[in-house]
Amino acid sequence: MDDVPGIDLVGLRIRNTDTVANIVVGISLRRREQLKPDVVWGVLANVIQSNARFGLGDRVKVHLDHVRKTAENCRFKRKGAH
């Protein structure tokens, strides 16, 4: 993920493939520079504590969502401009 620019948006979907419930954990889209390992581990810790059927001992599939920022969708309106 080091080749993703810091202003691009990324999110994660983590799915437990070993359970029948097919539980998906999502980490919402945020700037790549804001998606740190402690954020991912914090979300996983909360899910594991609240849901016994989602465990890291199981097989999980991770999907990275990437929204590339372009010059067209990065326009910033200047303060006071109309």
C-alpha atoms as a PDB file:
ATOM      1  CA  MET A   1       0.000   0.000   0.000  1.00  0.00           C
ATOM      2  CA  ASP A   2       3.062   2.238   0.064  1.00  0.00           C
ATOM      3  CA  ASP A   3       2.529   3.131  -3.596  1.00  0.00           C
ATOM      4  CA  VAL A   4      -0.929   4.623  -2.858  1.00  0.00           C
ATOM      5  CA  PRO A   5      -0.759   8.427  -2.502  1.00  0.00           C
ATOM      6  CA  GLY A   6      -1.649   9.746   0.958  1.00  0.00           C
ATOM      7  CA  ILE A   7      -4.662  11.714  -0.301  1.00  0.00           C
ATOM      8  CA  ASP A   8      -6.301   8.709  -2.001  1.00  0.00           C
ATOM      9  CA  LEU A   9      -9.113   7.015  -0.100  1.00  0.00           C
ATOM     10  CA  VAL A  10      -8.783   3.414   1.080  1.00  0.00           C
ATOM     11  CA  GLY A  11     -10.992   1.102   3.070  1.00  0.00           C
ATOM     12  CA  LEU A  12     -10.916  -2.545   4.073  1.00  0.00           C
ATOM     13  CA  ARG A  13     -13.449  -5.347   4.058  1.00  0.00           C
ATOM     14  CA  ILE A  14     -12.421  -8.358   6.127  1.00  0.00           C
ATOM     15  CA  ARG A  15     -14.511 -11.505   5.802  1.00  0.00           C
ATOM     16  CA  ASN A  16     -14.313 -14.666   7.868  1.00  0.00           C
ATOM     17  CA  THR A  17     -14.486 -17.501   5.331  1.00  0.00           C
ATOM     18  CA  ASP A  18     -14.596 -20.353   7.879  1.00  0.00           C
ATOM     19  CA  THR A  19     -17.971 -19.579   9.459  1.00  0.00           C
ATOM     20  CA  VAL A  20     -21.417 -20.151   8.065  1.00  0.00           C
ATOM     21  CA  ALA A  21     -22.451 -16.629   9.079  1.00  0.00           C
ATOM     22  CA  ASN A  22     -20.044 -15.134   6.500  1.00  0.00           C
ATOM     23  CA  ILE A  23     -19.399 -12.070   8.678  1.00  0.00           C
ATOM     24  CA  VAL A  24     -17.881  -8.996   6.996  1.00  0.00           C
ATOM     25  CA  VAL A  25     -16.046  -6.343   8.988  1.00  0.00           C
ATOM     26  CA  GLY A  26     -15.601  -2.991   7.309  1.00  0.00           C
ATOM     27  CA  ILE A  27     -13.200  -0.145   7.853  1.00  0.00           C
ATOM     28  CA  SER A  28     -14.694   2.897   6.192  1.00  0.00           C
ATOM     29  CA  LEU A  29     -13.023   4.851   3.431  1.00  0.00           C
ATOM     30  CA  ARG A  30     -10.463   7.315   4.706  1.00  0.00           C
ATOM     31  CA  ARG A  31      -7.302   8.936   3.418  1.00  0.00           C
ATOM     32  CA  ARG A  32      -4.545   6.356   3.057  1.00  0.00           C
ATOM     33  CA  GLU A  33      -2.358   8.284   5.460  1.00  0.00           C
ATOM     34  CA  GLN A  34      -5.067   7.792   8.135  1.00  0.00           C
ATOM     35  CA  LEU A  35      -5.316   4.011   7.765  1.00  0.00           C
ATOM     36  CA  LYS A  36      -2.751   2.842  10.285  1.00  0.00           C
ATOM     37  CA  PRO A  37      -2.196  -0.700  11.608  1.00  0.00           C
ATOM     38  CA  ASP A  38      -3.464   0.297  15.065  1.00  0.00           C
ATOM     39  CA  VAL A  39      -6.786   1.365  13.478  1.00  0.00           C
ATOM     40  CA  VAL A  40      -7.168  -2.025  11.776  1.00  0.00           C
ATOM     41  CA  TRP A  41      -6.228  -3.963  14.924  1.00  0.00           C
ATOM     42  CA  GLY A  42      -8.570  -1.810  17.031  1.00  0.00           C
ATOM     43  CA  VAL A  43     -11.542  -2.573  14.781  1.00  0.00           C
ATOM     44  CA  LEU A  44     -10.697  -6.289  14.721  1.00  0.00           C
ATOM     45  CA  ALA A  45     -10.291  -6.383  18.509  1.00  0.00           C
ATOM     46  CA  ASN A  46     -13.737  -4.835  18.992  1.00  0.00           C
ATOM     47  CA  VAL A  47     -15.352  -7.311  16.591  1.00  0.00           C
ATOM     48  CA  ILE A  48     -13.626 -10.336  18.107  1.00  0.00           C
ATOM     49  CA  GLN A  49     -14.658  -9.286  21.618  1.00  0.00           C
ATOM     50  CA  SER A  50     -18.294  -8.806  20.606  1.00  0.00           C
ATOM     51  CA  ASN A  51     -18.669 -11.768  18.243  1.00  0.00           C
ATOM     52  CA  ALA A  52     -17.354 -15.205  19.186  1.00  0.00           C
ATOM     53  CA  ARG A  53     -17.871 -16.520  15.631  1.00  0.00           C
ATOM     54  CA  PHE A  54     -15.259 -14.161  14.169  1.00  0.00           C
ATOM     55  CA  GLY A  55     -11.796 -15.255  15.214  1.00  0.00           C
ATOM     56  CA  LEU A  56      -8.325 -14.647  13.873  1.00  0.00           C
ATOM     57  CA  GLY A  57      -7.639 -18.369  14.124  1.00  0.00           C
ATOM     58  CA  ASP A  58     -10.039 -18.773  11.221  1.00  0.00           C
ATOM     59  CA  ARG A  59      -9.297 -18.083   7.581  1.00  0.00           C
ATOM     60  CA  VAL A  60     -10.022 -14.482   6.622  1.00  0.00           C
ATOM     61  CA  LYS A  61     -10.165 -12.741   3.253  1.00  0.00           C
ATOM     62  CA  VAL A  62      -9.142  -9.079   3.066  1.00  0.00           C
ATOM     63  CA  HIS A  63     -10.338  -6.778   0.299  1.00  0.00           C
ATOM     64  CA  LEU A  64      -8.789  -3.325  -0.172  1.00  0.00           C
ATOM     65  CA  ASP A  65     -11.022  -0.634  -1.663  1.00  0.00           C
ATOM     66  CA  HIS A  66      -9.054   2.187  -3.303  1.00  0.00           C
ATOM     67  CA  VAL A  67     -10.536   5.453  -4.583  1.00  0.00           C
ATOM     68  CA  ARG A  68      -7.977   7.399  -6.558  1.00  0.00           C
ATOM     69  CA  LYS A  69      -8.105  11.175  -6.209  1.00  0.00           C
ATOM     70  CA  THR A  70      -7.758  13.064  -9.468  1.00  0.00           C
ATOM     71  CA  ALA A  71      -7.454  16.753 -10.271  1.00  0.00           C
ATOM     72  CA  GLU A  72     -11.173  16.770 -11.101  1.00  0.00           C
ATOM     73  CA  ASN A  73     -12.346  15.487  -7.719  1.00  0.00           C
ATOM     74  CA  CYS A  74      -9.724  17.307  -5.611  1.00  0.00           C
ATOM     75  CA  ARG A  75     -10.912  20.854  -6.174  1.00  0.00           C
ATOM     76  CA  PHE A  76     -11.014  22.981  -3.079  1.00  0.00           C
ATOM     77  CA  LYS A  77     -13.218  26.017  -2.778  1.00  0.00           C
ATOM     78  CA  ARG A  78     -11.375  29.000  -1.362  1.00  0.00           C
ATOM     79  CA  LYS A  79     -12.816  30.470   1.784  1.00  0.00           C
ATOM     80  CA  GLY A  80     -14.977  33.465   0.978  1.00  0.00           C
ATOM     81  CA  ALA A  81     -15.185  32.680  -2.742  1.00  0.00           C
ATOM     82  CA  HIS A  82     -18.626  32.437  -4.357  1.00  0.00           C
END
